[in-house]
Amino acid sequence: MNTTNMNSEAVLVFTFDDAADLRAFADAVWNYAAIEPDAASLRVVVRADASLAKRIERIAIEHDGCRAIAGAVRGVERESDGTFTAVAFSASKNFRTRNGAERWLAKRSGR
């Protein structure tokens, strides 16, 4: 899938060994994305443009205390054959038009 479209959203979940590692990671990525740190469970949920997902993953990997990374992408991607792929967090579907892809995605996400 072509990931150059800037309308896609990535949701990444990171788990850390301790609160200090969690805070250090949150401080490093807060200006790239919306973050939801949970010190009690040592997890951080990060919502960002899909184009930044790899950068944020690299930052997490550089922090020794990061134990797990899980993620998903949501949005509409233009394919090389001119079609569009709508990607929800749990499903995807191909469409001939961007409008059709965006309508399907809106229904799936309740927007």
C-alpha atoms as a PDB file:
ATOM      1  CA  MET A   1       0.000   0.000   0.000  1.00  0.00           C
ATOM      2  CA  ASN A   2       1.184   3.489  -0.841  1.00  0.00           C
ATOM      3  CA  THR A   3       1.736   5.373   2.416  1.00  0.00           C
ATOM      4  CA  THR A   4       2.446   8.843   1.025  1.00  0.00           C
ATOM      5  CA  ASN A   5      -1.077  10.141   1.715  1.00  0.00           C
ATOM      6  CA  MET A   6      -1.046  12.609   4.594  1.00  0.00           C
ATOM      7  CA  ASN A   7      -4.687  11.927   5.591  1.00  0.00           C
ATOM      8  CA  SER A   8      -3.970   8.654   7.377  1.00  0.00           C
ATOM      9  CA  GLU A   9      -3.830   8.380  11.135  1.00  0.00           C
ATOM     10  CA  ALA A  10      -1.594   5.978  13.020  1.00  0.00           C
ATOM     11  CA  VAL A  11      -2.450   4.794  16.497  1.00  0.00           C
ATOM     12  CA  LEU A  12       0.502   3.263  18.325  1.00  0.00           C
ATOM     13  CA  VAL A  13       0.594   1.774  21.812  1.00  0.00           C
ATOM     14  CA  PHE A  14       3.892   1.558  23.684  1.00  0.00           C
ATOM     15  CA  THR A  15       4.529  -0.279  26.956  1.00  0.00           C
ATOM     16  CA  PHE A  16       7.446   0.644  29.216  1.00  0.00           C
ATOM     17  CA  ASP A  17       9.414  -0.927  32.075  1.00  0.00           C
ATOM     18  CA  ASP A  18       8.939   1.969  34.458  1.00  0.00           C
ATOM     19  CA  ALA A  19       7.407   5.428  34.817  1.00  0.00           C
ATOM     20  CA  ALA A  20      10.725   7.207  34.175  1.00  0.00           C
ATOM     21  CA  ASP A  21      11.075   5.528  30.765  1.00  0.00           C
ATOM     22  CA  LEU A  22       7.464   6.388  29.958  1.00  0.00           C
ATOM     23  CA  ARG A  23       8.001  10.062  30.865  1.00  0.00           C
ATOM     24  CA  ALA A  24      11.215  10.265  28.820  1.00  0.00           C
ATOM     25  CA  PHE A  25       9.456   8.846  25.752  1.00  0.00           C
ATOM     26  CA  ALA A  26       6.430  11.135  26.181  1.00  0.00           C
ATOM     27  CA  ASP A  27       8.748  14.152  26.440  1.00  0.00           C
ATOM     28  CA  ALA A  28      10.496  13.071  23.214  1.00  0.00           C
ATOM     29  CA  VAL A  29       7.345  12.685  21.088  1.00  0.00           C
ATOM     30  CA  TRP A  30       4.821  15.193  22.449  1.00  0.00           C
ATOM     31  CA  ASN A  31       5.569  17.704  19.664  1.00  0.00           C
ATOM     32  CA  TYR A  32       5.002  15.082  16.906  1.00  0.00           C
ATOM     33  CA  ALA A  33       1.698  13.630  18.046  1.00  0.00           C
ATOM     34  CA  ALA A  34      -1.180  13.524  20.482  1.00  0.00           C
ATOM     35  CA  ILE A  35      -0.166  11.317  23.396  1.00  0.00           C
ATOM     36  CA  GLU A  36      -2.170   9.707  26.165  1.00  0.00           C
ATOM     37  CA  PRO A  37       0.249   8.478  28.844  1.00  0.00           C
ATOM     38  CA  ASP A  38      -1.046   6.178  31.564  1.00  0.00           C
ATOM     39  CA  ALA A  39       1.539   5.936  34.343  1.00  0.00           C
ATOM     40  CA  ALA A  40      -0.473   3.305  36.226  1.00  0.00           C
ATOM     41  CA  SER A  41      -0.270   0.753  33.379  1.00  0.00           C
ATOM     42  CA  LEU A  42       3.061   2.060  32.001  1.00  0.00           C
ATOM     43  CA  ARG A  43       1.461   2.502  28.567  1.00  0.00           C
ATOM     44  CA  VAL A  44       1.346   5.404  26.123  1.00  0.00           C
ATOM     45  CA  VAL A  45      -1.177   5.711  23.305  1.00  0.00           C
ATOM     46  CA  VAL A  46       0.118   7.896  20.468  1.00  0.00           C
ATOM     47  CA  ARG A  47      -2.093   9.295  17.686  1.00  0.00           C
ATOM     48  CA  ALA A  48      -0.215  10.836  14.778  1.00  0.00           C
ATOM     49  CA  ASP A  49      -0.163  11.275  11.048  1.00  0.00           C
ATOM     50  CA  ALA A  50       0.823   7.936   9.490  1.00  0.00           C
ATOM     51  CA  SER A  51       3.839   9.593   7.858  1.00  0.00           C
ATOM     52  CA  LEU A  52       5.324  10.107  11.353  1.00  0.00           C
ATOM     53  CA  ALA A  53       4.675   6.579  12.642  1.00  0.00           C
ATOM     54  CA  LYS A  54       8.121   5.199  11.738  1.00  0.00           C
ATOM     55  CA  ARG A  55       9.880   8.191  13.332  1.00  0.00           C
ATOM     56  CA  ILE A  56       7.918   7.702  16.550  1.00  0.00           C
ATOM     57  CA  GLU A  57       8.667   3.959  16.534  1.00  0.00           C
ATOM     58  CA  ARG A  58      12.403   4.718  16.167  1.00  0.00           C
ATOM     59  CA  ILE A  59      12.237   7.090  19.139  1.00  0.00           C
ATOM     60  CA  ALA A  60      10.583   4.328  21.197  1.00  0.00           C
ATOM     61  CA  ILE A  61      13.193   1.772  20.173  1.00  0.00           C
ATOM     62  CA  GLU A  62      15.964   4.174  21.239  1.00  0.00           C
ATOM     63  CA  HIS A  63      14.476   4.212  24.757  1.00  0.00           C
ATOM     64  CA  ASP A  64      15.755   1.040  26.412  1.00  0.00           C
ATOM     65  CA  GLY A  65      12.691   0.750  28.622  1.00  0.00           C
ATOM     66  CA  CYS A  66      10.236   0.248  25.736  1.00  0.00           C
ATOM     67  CA  ARG A  67       8.931  -3.335  25.924  1.00  0.00           C
ATOM     68  CA  ALA A  68       6.201  -3.494  23.283  1.00  0.00           C
ATOM     69  CA  ILE A  69       4.899  -1.635  20.276  1.00  0.00           C
ATOM     70  CA  ALA A  70       1.509  -2.213  18.691  1.00  0.00           C
ATOM     71  CA  GLY A  71      -0.090  -0.062  16.048  1.00  0.00           C
ATOM     72  CA  ALA A  72      -2.639   0.510  13.369  1.00  0.00           C
ATOM     73  CA  VAL A  73      -3.248   3.000  10.588  1.00  0.00           C
ATOM     74  CA  ARG A  74      -6.563   4.608   9.618  1.00  0.00           C
ATOM     75  CA  GLY A  75      -7.245   6.646   6.492  1.00  0.00           C
ATOM     76  CA  VAL A  76      -7.619   6.675   2.710  1.00  0.00           C
ATOM     77  CA  GLU A  77      -4.630   5.807   0.532  1.00  0.00           C
ATOM     78  CA  ARG A  78      -4.298   6.379  -3.226  1.00  0.00           C
ATOM     79  CA  GLU A  79      -2.954   3.284  -5.004  1.00  0.00           C
ATOM     80  CA  SER A  80      -0.676   3.269  -8.057  1.00  0.00           C
ATOM     81  CA  ASP A  81      -3.517   1.986 -10.285  1.00  0.00           C
ATOM     82  CA  GLY A  82      -5.686   5.037  -9.496  1.00  0.00           C
ATOM     83  CA  THR A  83      -7.978   3.311  -7.011  1.00  0.00           C
ATOM     84  CA  PHE A  84      -8.297   4.192  -3.333  1.00  0.00           C
ATOM     85  CA  THR A  85      -7.984   1.942  -0.311  1.00  0.00           C
ATOM     86  CA  ALA A  86      -9.888   2.848   2.834  1.00  0.00           C
ATOM     87  CA  VAL A  87      -8.182   1.499   5.953  1.00  0.00           C
ATOM     88  CA  ALA A  88     -10.043   1.323   9.265  1.00  0.00           C
ATOM     89  CA  PHE A  89      -8.389  -0.039  12.387  1.00  0.00           C
ATOM     90  CA  SER A  90      -9.987  -3.459  11.815  1.00  0.00           C
ATOM     91  CA  ALA A  91     -10.689  -3.657   8.056  1.00  0.00           C
ATOM     92  CA  SER A  92      -9.839  -2.276   4.633  1.00  0.00           C
ATOM     93  CA  LYS A  93     -11.632  -2.039   1.292  1.00  0.00           C
ATOM     94  CA  ASN A  94     -10.728  -0.849  -2.220  1.00  0.00           C
ATOM     95  CA  PHE A  95     -12.771   1.779  -4.094  1.00  0.00           C
ATOM     96  CA  ARG A  96     -12.710   3.395  -7.527  1.00  0.00           C
ATOM     97  CA  THR A  97     -13.212   6.881  -6.050  1.00  0.00           C
ATOM     98  CA  ARG A  98     -11.860   8.743  -3.040  1.00  0.00           C
ATOM     99  CA  ASN A  99     -15.395   9.852  -2.164  1.00  0.00           C
ATOM    100  CA  GLY A 100     -16.581   6.238  -1.919  1.00  0.00           C
ATOM    101  CA  ALA A 101     -13.597   5.305   0.242  1.00  0.00           C
ATOM    102  CA  GLU A 102     -14.151   8.260   2.570  1.00  0.00           C
ATOM    103  CA  ARG A 103     -17.880   7.488   2.957  1.00  0.00           C
ATOM    104  CA  TRP A 104     -17.135   3.839   3.825  1.00  0.00           C
ATOM    105  CA  LEU A 105     -14.489   4.904   6.336  1.00  0.00           C
ATOM    106  CA  ALA A 106     -16.856   7.447   7.918  1.00  0.00           C
ATOM    107  CA  LYS A 107     -19.503   4.732   8.391  1.00  0.00           C
ATOM    108  CA  ARG A 108     -16.982   2.343   9.961  1.00  0.00           C
ATOM    109  CA  SER A 109     -15.624   4.930  12.360  1.00  0.00           C
ATOM    110  CA  GLY A 110     -18.942   6.513  13.312  1.00  0.00           C
ATOM    111  CA  ARG A 111     -17.907   9.955  11.993  1.00  0.00           C
END
